[in-house]
């Protein structure tokens, strides 16, 4: 839709900025409110935004700015969901099973990040963008229904609910005092700075330099998954 390098790169920015901006605040929300409800709200936002984008695509009423807006909304839903989802592992399984559960989640996440991107390229190349949008919306609805139907017991805390400002300050102070967290934050920042330019402009590289299409783009994105998993 656009030949502008800036517009193509901003798509990635719209998909990553919500996690960068909101994660600290949403982490405090996940600790102070029902994690299941926070997850449900985040998943609802993702499903609704994706469904609206699919509807506009079906009506052939899509432009770059609309894609940027809906990408930001979907990413905002993911930013709302992810901290509560990750913290809920300790609520769902016994304490002794937490390491195995976290490992299983990481394996599943990295597998989907590899296989899913390649399949996405195949779907777009074979059936078109509308089918890809529709399947994406369906993929958001499945966990939404699962969260709605499943209820798990949450261990109550004797501590009073912290004000949001205090919770955020305590989180930042804890990070500043933890050498392990600071080391991980530094390494992730350096890795992101070094790799983000290639990822942001990869669609243009595939189209203009490699003369490829959705299948080539999906394959290159799929290769990125194992590289990040190896780093982790």
C-alpha atoms as a PDB file:
ATOM      1  CA  UNK A   1       0.000   0.000   0.000  1.00  0.00           C
ATOM      2  CA  UNK A   2       2.927   2.352   0.597  1.00  0.00           C
ATOM      3  CA  UNK A   3       6.434   2.627  -0.788  1.00  0.00           C
ATOM      4  CA  UNK A   4       7.562   4.835   2.100  1.00  0.00           C
ATOM      5  CA  UNK A   5      10.329   3.280   4.199  1.00  0.00           C
ATOM      6  CA  UNK A   6       9.087   5.259   7.182  1.00  0.00           C
ATOM      7  CA  UNK A   7       5.497   4.007   6.901  1.00  0.00           C
ATOM      8  CA  UNK A   8       6.624   0.388   6.639  1.00  0.00           C
ATOM      9  CA  UNK A   9       8.893   0.754   9.658  1.00  0.00           C
ATOM     10  CA  UNK A  10       6.194   2.486  11.700  1.00  0.00           C
ATOM     11  CA  UNK A  11       4.055  -0.672  11.440  1.00  0.00           C
ATOM     12  CA  UNK A  12       6.564  -2.435  13.677  1.00  0.00           C
ATOM     13  CA  UNK A  13       6.690   0.577  15.968  1.00  0.00           C
ATOM     14  CA  UNK A  14       2.899   0.527  16.362  1.00  0.00           C
ATOM     15  CA  UNK A  15       3.063  -3.177  17.239  1.00  0.00           C
ATOM     16  CA  UNK A  16       5.778  -2.784  19.886  1.00  0.00           C
ATOM     17  CA  UNK A  17       5.256   0.633  21.483  1.00  0.00           C
ATOM     18  CA  UNK A  18       2.314  -0.423  23.714  1.00  0.00           C
ATOM     19  CA  UNK A  19       4.425  -3.066  25.472  1.00  0.00           C
ATOM     20  CA  UNK A  20       7.257  -0.557  25.880  1.00  0.00           C
ATOM     21  CA  UNK A  21       4.998   2.188  27.230  1.00  0.00           C
ATOM     22  CA  UNK A  22       2.393   0.327  29.264  1.00  0.00           C
ATOM     23  CA  UNK A  23       4.104  -2.797  30.619  1.00  0.00           C
ATOM     24  CA  UNK A  24       5.209  -1.301  33.928  1.00  0.00           C
ATOM     25  CA  UNK A  25       1.731   0.049  34.665  1.00  0.00           C
ATOM     26  CA  UNK A  26      -0.029  -3.106  33.488  1.00  0.00           C
ATOM     27  CA  UNK A  27       2.261  -5.236  35.636  1.00  0.00           C
ATOM     28  CA  UNK A  28       1.004  -3.302  38.652  1.00  0.00           C
ATOM     29  CA  UNK A  29      -2.579  -3.771  37.455  1.00  0.00           C
ATOM     30  CA  UNK A  30      -2.026  -7.539  37.175  1.00  0.00           C
ATOM     31  CA  UNK A  31      -0.772  -7.611  40.773  1.00  0.00           C
ATOM     32  CA  UNK A  32      -3.590  -5.485  42.191  1.00  0.00           C
ATOM     33  CA  UNK A  33      -6.626  -6.838  40.334  1.00  0.00           C
ATOM     34  CA  UNK A  34      -7.998 -10.153  39.118  1.00  0.00           C
ATOM     35  CA  UNK A  35      -5.476 -11.479  36.617  1.00  0.00           C
ATOM     36  CA  UNK A  36      -8.148 -13.498  34.866  1.00  0.00           C
ATOM     37  CA  UNK A  37     -10.218 -10.360  34.279  1.00  0.00           C
ATOM     38  CA  UNK A  38      -7.174  -8.413  33.116  1.00  0.00           C
ATOM     39  CA  UNK A  39      -6.347 -11.209  30.669  1.00  0.00           C
ATOM     40  CA  UNK A  40      -9.947 -11.294  29.467  1.00  0.00           C
ATOM     41  CA  UNK A  41      -9.981  -7.527  28.877  1.00  0.00           C
ATOM     42  CA  UNK A  42      -6.713  -7.681  26.941  1.00  0.00           C
ATOM     43  CA  UNK A  43      -7.902 -10.595  24.822  1.00  0.00           C
ATOM     44  CA  UNK A  44     -11.207  -8.817  24.128  1.00  0.00           C
ATOM     45  CA  UNK A  45      -9.351  -5.764  22.840  1.00  0.00           C
ATOM     46  CA  UNK A  46      -7.178  -7.937  20.592  1.00  0.00           C
ATOM     47  CA  UNK A  47     -10.165  -9.859  19.198  1.00  0.00           C
ATOM     48  CA  UNK A  48     -12.306  -6.763  18.606  1.00  0.00           C
ATOM     49  CA  UNK A  49      -9.508  -4.819  16.903  1.00  0.00           C
ATOM     50  CA  UNK A  50      -8.634  -7.792  14.695  1.00  0.00           C
ATOM     51  CA  UNK A  51     -12.288  -8.393  13.812  1.00  0.00           C
ATOM     52  CA  UNK A  52     -12.755  -4.743  12.840  1.00  0.00           C
ATOM     53  CA  UNK A  53      -9.656  -4.838  10.636  1.00  0.00           C
ATOM     54  CA  UNK A  54     -10.963  -8.026   9.000  1.00  0.00           C
ATOM     55  CA  UNK A  55     -14.340  -6.379   8.356  1.00  0.00           C
ATOM     56  CA  UNK A  56     -12.759  -3.292   6.806  1.00  0.00           C
ATOM     57  CA  UNK A  57     -10.521  -5.510   4.657  1.00  0.00           C
ATOM     58  CA  UNK A  58     -13.584  -7.439   3.467  1.00  0.00           C
ATOM     59  CA  UNK A  59     -15.142  -4.117   2.438  1.00  0.00           C
ATOM     60  CA  UNK A  60     -11.874  -3.087   0.699  1.00  0.00           C
ATOM     61  CA  UNK A  61     -11.704  -0.079   2.992  1.00  0.00           C
ATOM     62  CA  UNK A  62      -8.147  -0.309   4.310  1.00  0.00           C
ATOM     63  CA  UNK A  63      -5.306   2.185   4.185  1.00  0.00           C
ATOM     64  CA  UNK A  64      -1.872   2.317   5.873  1.00  0.00           C
ATOM     65  CA  UNK A  65      -3.055   4.559   8.714  1.00  0.00           C
ATOM     66  CA  UNK A  66      -5.890   2.178   9.520  1.00  0.00           C
ATOM     67  CA  UNK A  67      -3.455  -0.733   9.675  1.00  0.00           C
ATOM     68  CA  UNK A  68      -1.230   1.283  12.008  1.00  0.00           C
ATOM     69  CA  UNK A  69      -4.162   2.111  14.271  1.00  0.00           C
ATOM     70  CA  UNK A  70      -5.460  -1.433  14.536  1.00  0.00           C
ATOM     71  CA  UNK A  71      -1.927  -2.787  14.988  1.00  0.00           C
ATOM     72  CA  UNK A  72      -1.530  -0.438  17.946  1.00  0.00           C
ATOM     73  CA  UNK A  73      -4.855  -1.602  19.435  1.00  0.00           C
ATOM     74  CA  UNK A  74      -3.974  -5.284  19.058  1.00  0.00           C
ATOM     75  CA  UNK A  75      -0.571  -4.656  20.607  1.00  0.00           C
ATOM     76  CA  UNK A  76      -2.210  -2.734  23.460  1.00  0.00           C
ATOM     77  CA  UNK A  77      -4.396  -5.750  24.156  1.00  0.00           C
ATOM     78  CA  UNK A  78      -1.342  -7.990  24.146  1.00  0.00           C
ATOM     79  CA  UNK A  79       0.451  -5.623  26.523  1.00  0.00           C
ATOM     80  CA  UNK A  80      -2.563  -5.825  28.850  1.00  0.00           C
ATOM     81  CA  UNK A  81      -2.757  -9.612  28.608  1.00  0.00           C
ATOM     82  CA  UNK A  82       0.872 -10.755  28.783  1.00  0.00           C
ATOM     83  CA  UNK A  83       1.942  -9.701  32.323  1.00  0.00           C
ATOM     84  CA  UNK A  84      -1.225 -11.181  33.848  1.00  0.00           C
ATOM     85  CA  UNK A  85      -0.883 -14.332  31.737  1.00  0.00           C
ATOM     86  CA  UNK A  86       2.729 -14.914  32.752  1.00  0.00           C
ATOM     87  CA  UNK A  87       2.032 -14.188  36.422  1.00  0.00           C
ATOM     88  CA  UNK A  88      -0.959 -16.564  36.405  1.00  0.00           C
ATOM     89  CA  UNK A  89       1.272 -19.600  35.926  1.00  0.00           C
ATOM     90  CA  UNK A  90       1.966 -19.728  39.662  1.00  0.00           C
ATOM     91  CA  UNK A  91      -1.799 -19.536  40.332  1.00  0.00           C
ATOM     92  CA  UNK A  92      -2.734 -22.353  37.962  1.00  0.00           C
ATOM     93  CA  UNK A  93      -0.070 -24.972  38.789  1.00  0.00           C
ATOM     94  CA  UNK A  94       1.524 -26.090  42.042  1.00  0.00           C
ATOM     95  CA  UNK A  95       4.701 -24.359  43.113  1.00  0.00           C
ATOM     96  CA  UNK A  96       6.850 -27.429  42.349  1.00  0.00           C
ATOM     97  CA  UNK A  97       5.504 -27.468  38.767  1.00  0.00           C
ATOM     98  CA  UNK A  98       6.167 -23.788  38.010  1.00  0.00           C
ATOM     99  CA  UNK A  99       9.635 -24.301  36.417  1.00  0.00           C
ATOM    100  CA  UNK A 100       8.280 -27.018  34.113  1.00  0.00           C
ATOM    101  CA  UNK A 101       5.237 -24.894  33.222  1.00  0.00           C
ATOM    102  CA  UNK A 102       7.388 -21.858  32.408  1.00  0.00           C
ATOM    103  CA  UNK A 103       9.658 -24.024  30.238  1.00  0.00           C
ATOM    104  CA  UNK A 104       6.662 -25.485  28.407  1.00  0.00           C
ATOM    105  CA  UNK A 105       5.266 -22.008  27.758  1.00  0.00           C
ATOM    106  CA  UNK A 106       8.622 -20.869  26.367  1.00  0.00           C
ATOM    107  CA  UNK A 107       8.840 -23.912  24.095  1.00  0.00           C
ATOM    108  CA  UNK A 108       5.321 -23.326  22.818  1.00  0.00           C
ATOM    109  CA  UNK A 109       5.917 -19.608  22.300  1.00  0.00           C
ATOM    110  CA  UNK A 110       9.138 -20.100  20.335  1.00  0.00           C
ATOM    111  CA  UNK A 111       7.628 -22.937  18.280  1.00  0.00           C
ATOM    112  CA  UNK A 112       4.645 -20.826  17.285  1.00  0.00           C
ATOM    113  CA  UNK A 113       6.906 -17.860  16.561  1.00  0.00           C
ATOM    114  CA  UNK A 114       8.803 -20.037  14.074  1.00  0.00           C
ATOM    115  CA  UNK A 115       6.113 -22.221  12.527  1.00  0.00           C
ATOM    116  CA  UNK A 116       3.322 -19.649  12.700  1.00  0.00           C
ATOM    117  CA  UNK A 117       5.158 -17.003  10.697  1.00  0.00           C
ATOM    118  CA  UNK A 118       5.983 -19.483   7.940  1.00  0.00           C
ATOM    119  CA  UNK A 119       2.355 -20.642   7.850  1.00  0.00           C
ATOM    120  CA  UNK A 120       1.270 -17.010   7.741  1.00  0.00           C
ATOM    121  CA  UNK A 121       3.317 -16.463   4.610  1.00  0.00           C
ATOM    122  CA  UNK A 122       1.776 -19.564   3.031  1.00  0.00           C
ATOM    123  CA  UNK A 123      -1.770 -18.419   3.900  1.00  0.00           C
ATOM    124  CA  UNK A 124      -1.236 -14.932   2.475  1.00  0.00           C
ATOM    125  CA  UNK A 125       0.406 -16.288  -0.685  1.00  0.00           C
ATOM    126  CA  UNK A 126      -2.250 -18.972  -1.230  1.00  0.00           C
ATOM    127  CA  UNK A 127      -5.502 -17.429  -0.001  1.00  0.00           C
ATOM    128  CA  UNK A 128      -4.900 -13.698   0.355  1.00  0.00           C
ATOM    129  CA  UNK A 129      -4.848 -11.108   3.125  1.00  0.00           C
ATOM    130  CA  UNK A 130      -8.517 -11.414   4.062  1.00  0.00           C
ATOM    131  CA  UNK A 131      -8.125 -15.092   4.954  1.00  0.00           C
ATOM    132  CA  UNK A 132      -5.030 -14.280   7.003  1.00  0.00           C
ATOM    133  CA  UNK A 133      -6.913 -11.552   8.895  1.00  0.00           C
ATOM    134  CA  UNK A 134      -9.858 -13.887   9.530  1.00  0.00           C
ATOM    135  CA  UNK A 135      -7.633 -16.693  10.846  1.00  0.00           C
ATOM    136  CA  UNK A 136      -5.824 -14.202  13.065  1.00  0.00           C
ATOM    137  CA  UNK A 137      -9.139 -13.088  14.557  1.00  0.00           C
ATOM    138  CA  UNK A 138     -10.073 -16.724  15.164  1.00  0.00           C
ATOM    139  CA  UNK A 139      -6.735 -17.295  16.894  1.00  0.00           C
ATOM    140  CA  UNK A 140      -7.602 -14.474  19.309  1.00  0.00           C
ATOM    141  CA  UNK A 141     -11.100 -15.829  19.982  1.00  0.00           C
ATOM    142  CA  UNK A 142      -9.953 -19.324  21.005  1.00  0.00           C
ATOM    143  CA  UNK A 143      -7.933 -18.255  24.089  1.00  0.00           C
ATOM    144  CA  UNK A 144     -10.620 -15.666  24.873  1.00  0.00           C
ATOM    145  CA  UNK A 145     -13.240 -18.415  25.141  1.00  0.00           C
ATOM    146  CA  UNK A 146     -10.799 -20.546  27.140  1.00  0.00           C
ATOM    147  CA  UNK A 147     -10.259 -17.780  29.694  1.00  0.00           C
ATOM    148  CA  UNK A 148     -14.029 -17.232  29.906  1.00  0.00           C
ATOM    149  CA  UNK A 149     -14.777 -20.908  30.548  1.00  0.00           C
ATOM    150  CA  UNK A 150     -11.853 -21.769  32.824  1.00  0.00           C
ATOM    151  CA  UNK A 151     -11.749 -20.561  36.401  1.00  0.00           C
ATOM    152  CA  UNK A 152      -8.864 -21.313  38.724  1.00  0.00           C
ATOM    153  CA  UNK A 153      -8.371 -20.716  42.391  1.00  0.00           C
ATOM    154  CA  UNK A 154      -6.153 -17.779  43.256  1.00  0.00           C
ATOM    155  CA  UNK A 155      -4.256 -17.709  46.506  1.00  0.00           C
ATOM    156  CA  UNK A 156      -5.375 -14.724  48.564  1.00  0.00           C
ATOM    157  CA  UNK A 157      -2.769 -12.312  49.853  1.00  0.00           C
ATOM    158  CA  UNK A 158      -2.912 -10.871  53.373  1.00  0.00           C
ATOM    159  CA  UNK A 159      -1.340  -7.654  52.069  1.00  0.00           C
ATOM    160  CA  UNK A 160      -3.442  -4.622  51.271  1.00  0.00           C
ATOM    161  CA  UNK A 161      -3.758  -3.460  47.666  1.00  0.00           C
ATOM    162  CA  UNK A 162      -1.020  -0.973  46.816  1.00  0.00           C
ATOM    163  CA  UNK A 163      -1.744   2.337  45.091  1.00  0.00           C
ATOM    164  CA  UNK A 164      -0.666   2.225  41.454  1.00  0.00           C
ATOM    165  CA  UNK A 165       2.007   4.885  41.941  1.00  0.00           C
ATOM    166  CA  UNK A 166       3.519   2.995  44.880  1.00  0.00           C
ATOM    167  CA  UNK A 167       3.440  -0.312  43.020  1.00  0.00           C
ATOM    168  CA  UNK A 168       5.248   1.173  40.010  1.00  0.00           C
ATOM    169  CA  UNK A 169       7.840   2.861  42.214  1.00  0.00           C
ATOM    170  CA  UNK A 170       8.479  -0.382  44.102  1.00  0.00           C
ATOM    171  CA  UNK A 171       8.890  -2.262  40.837  1.00  0.00           C
ATOM    172  CA  UNK A 172      11.419   0.235  39.492  1.00  0.00           C
ATOM    173  CA  UNK A 173      13.304   0.201  42.792  1.00  0.00           C
ATOM    174  CA  UNK A 174      13.428  -3.595  42.790  1.00  0.00           C
ATOM    175  CA  UNK A 175      14.786  -3.582  39.239  1.00  0.00           C
ATOM    176  CA  UNK A 176      17.427  -1.011  40.181  1.00  0.00           C
ATOM    177  CA  UNK A 177      18.566  -3.169  43.104  1.00  0.00           C
ATOM    178  CA  UNK A 178      18.685  -6.468  41.170  1.00  0.00           C
ATOM    179  CA  UNK A 179      21.890  -7.038  39.227  1.00  0.00           C
ATOM    180  CA  UNK A 180      20.340 -10.015  37.397  1.00  0.00           C
ATOM    181  CA  UNK A 181      17.372  -7.982  36.116  1.00  0.00           C
ATOM    182  CA  UNK A 182      19.630  -5.093  35.119  1.00  0.00           C
ATOM    183  CA  UNK A 183      21.873  -7.483  33.175  1.00  0.00           C
ATOM    184  CA  UNK A 184      18.900  -8.991  31.327  1.00  0.00           C
ATOM    185  CA  UNK A 185      17.481  -5.530  30.604  1.00  0.00           C
ATOM    186  CA  UNK A 186      20.815  -4.324  29.228  1.00  0.00           C
ATOM    187  CA  UNK A 187      21.302  -7.369  26.996  1.00  0.00           C
ATOM    188  CA  UNK A 188      17.745  -7.176  25.661  1.00  0.00           C
ATOM    189  CA  UNK A 189      18.163  -3.460  24.939  1.00  0.00           C
ATOM    190  CA  UNK A 190      21.392  -3.997  23.013  1.00  0.00           C
ATOM    191  CA  UNK A 191      19.927  -6.928  21.090  1.00  0.00           C
ATOM    192  CA  UNK A 192      16.825  -4.938  20.206  1.00  0.00           C
ATOM    193  CA  UNK A 193      18.790  -1.897  19.053  1.00  0.00           C
ATOM    194  CA  UNK A 194      20.981  -4.070  16.836  1.00  0.00           C
ATOM    195  CA  UNK A 195      18.209  -6.096  15.218  1.00  0.00           C
ATOM    196  CA  UNK A 196      15.200  -3.815  15.019  1.00  0.00           C
ATOM    197  CA  UNK A 197      16.247  -1.969  11.846  1.00  0.00           C
ATOM    198  CA  UNK A 198      16.473  -5.176   9.803  1.00  0.00           C
ATOM    199  CA  UNK A 199      13.139  -6.410  11.126  1.00  0.00           C
ATOM    200  CA  UNK A 200      11.403  -3.074  10.514  1.00  0.00           C
ATOM    201  CA  UNK A 201      12.550  -2.848   6.899  1.00  0.00           C
ATOM    202  CA  UNK A 202      12.402  -6.572   6.080  1.00  0.00           C
ATOM    203  CA  UNK A 203       9.184  -6.246   4.022  1.00  0.00           C
ATOM    204  CA  UNK A 204      10.883  -3.734   1.728  1.00  0.00           C
ATOM    205  CA  UNK A 205      14.044  -5.851   1.537  1.00  0.00           C
ATOM    206  CA  UNK A 206      12.001  -8.870   0.471  1.00  0.00           C
ATOM    207  CA  UNK A 207       9.998  -6.914  -2.087  1.00  0.00           C
ATOM    208  CA  UNK A 208      12.668  -4.634  -3.566  1.00  0.00           C
ATOM    209  CA  UNK A 209      15.960  -6.494  -3.074  1.00  0.00           C
ATOM    210  CA  UNK A 210      14.933 -10.156  -3.164  1.00  0.00           C
ATOM    211  CA  UNK A 211      11.932  -9.677  -5.483  1.00  0.00           C
ATOM    212  CA  UNK A 212       9.976 -12.020  -3.243  1.00  0.00           C
ATOM    213  CA  UNK A 213       6.456 -12.165  -1.866  1.00  0.00           C
ATOM    214  CA  UNK A 214       4.569 -13.269   1.242  1.00  0.00           C
ATOM    215  CA  UNK A 215       6.112 -16.746   1.245  1.00  0.00           C
ATOM    216  CA  UNK A 216       9.669 -15.382   1.211  1.00  0.00           C
ATOM    217  CA  UNK A 217       8.810 -12.847   3.903  1.00  0.00           C
ATOM    218  CA  UNK A 218       7.193 -15.484   6.115  1.00  0.00           C
ATOM    219  CA  UNK A 219      10.194 -17.779   5.698  1.00  0.00           C
ATOM    220  CA  UNK A 220      12.657 -15.059   6.714  1.00  0.00           C
ATOM    221  CA  UNK A 221      10.511 -14.120   9.698  1.00  0.00           C
ATOM    222  CA  UNK A 222      10.368 -17.786  10.701  1.00  0.00           C
ATOM    223  CA  UNK A 223      14.166 -17.973  10.719  1.00  0.00           C
ATOM    224  CA  UNK A 224      14.176 -15.132  13.230  1.00  0.00           C
ATOM    225  CA  UNK A 225      12.369 -17.274  15.824  1.00  0.00           C
ATOM    226  CA  UNK A 226      15.162 -19.841  16.424  1.00  0.00           C
ATOM    227  CA  UNK A 227      17.755 -17.036  16.478  1.00  0.00           C
ATOM    228  CA  UNK A 228      15.944 -15.280  19.332  1.00  0.00           C
ATOM    229  CA  UNK A 229      15.257 -18.581  21.092  1.00  0.00           C
ATOM    230  CA  UNK A 230      18.988 -19.386  20.949  1.00  0.00           C
ATOM    231  CA  UNK A 231      19.810 -16.008  22.459  1.00  0.00           C
ATOM    232  CA  UNK A 232      17.304 -16.562  25.247  1.00  0.00           C
END
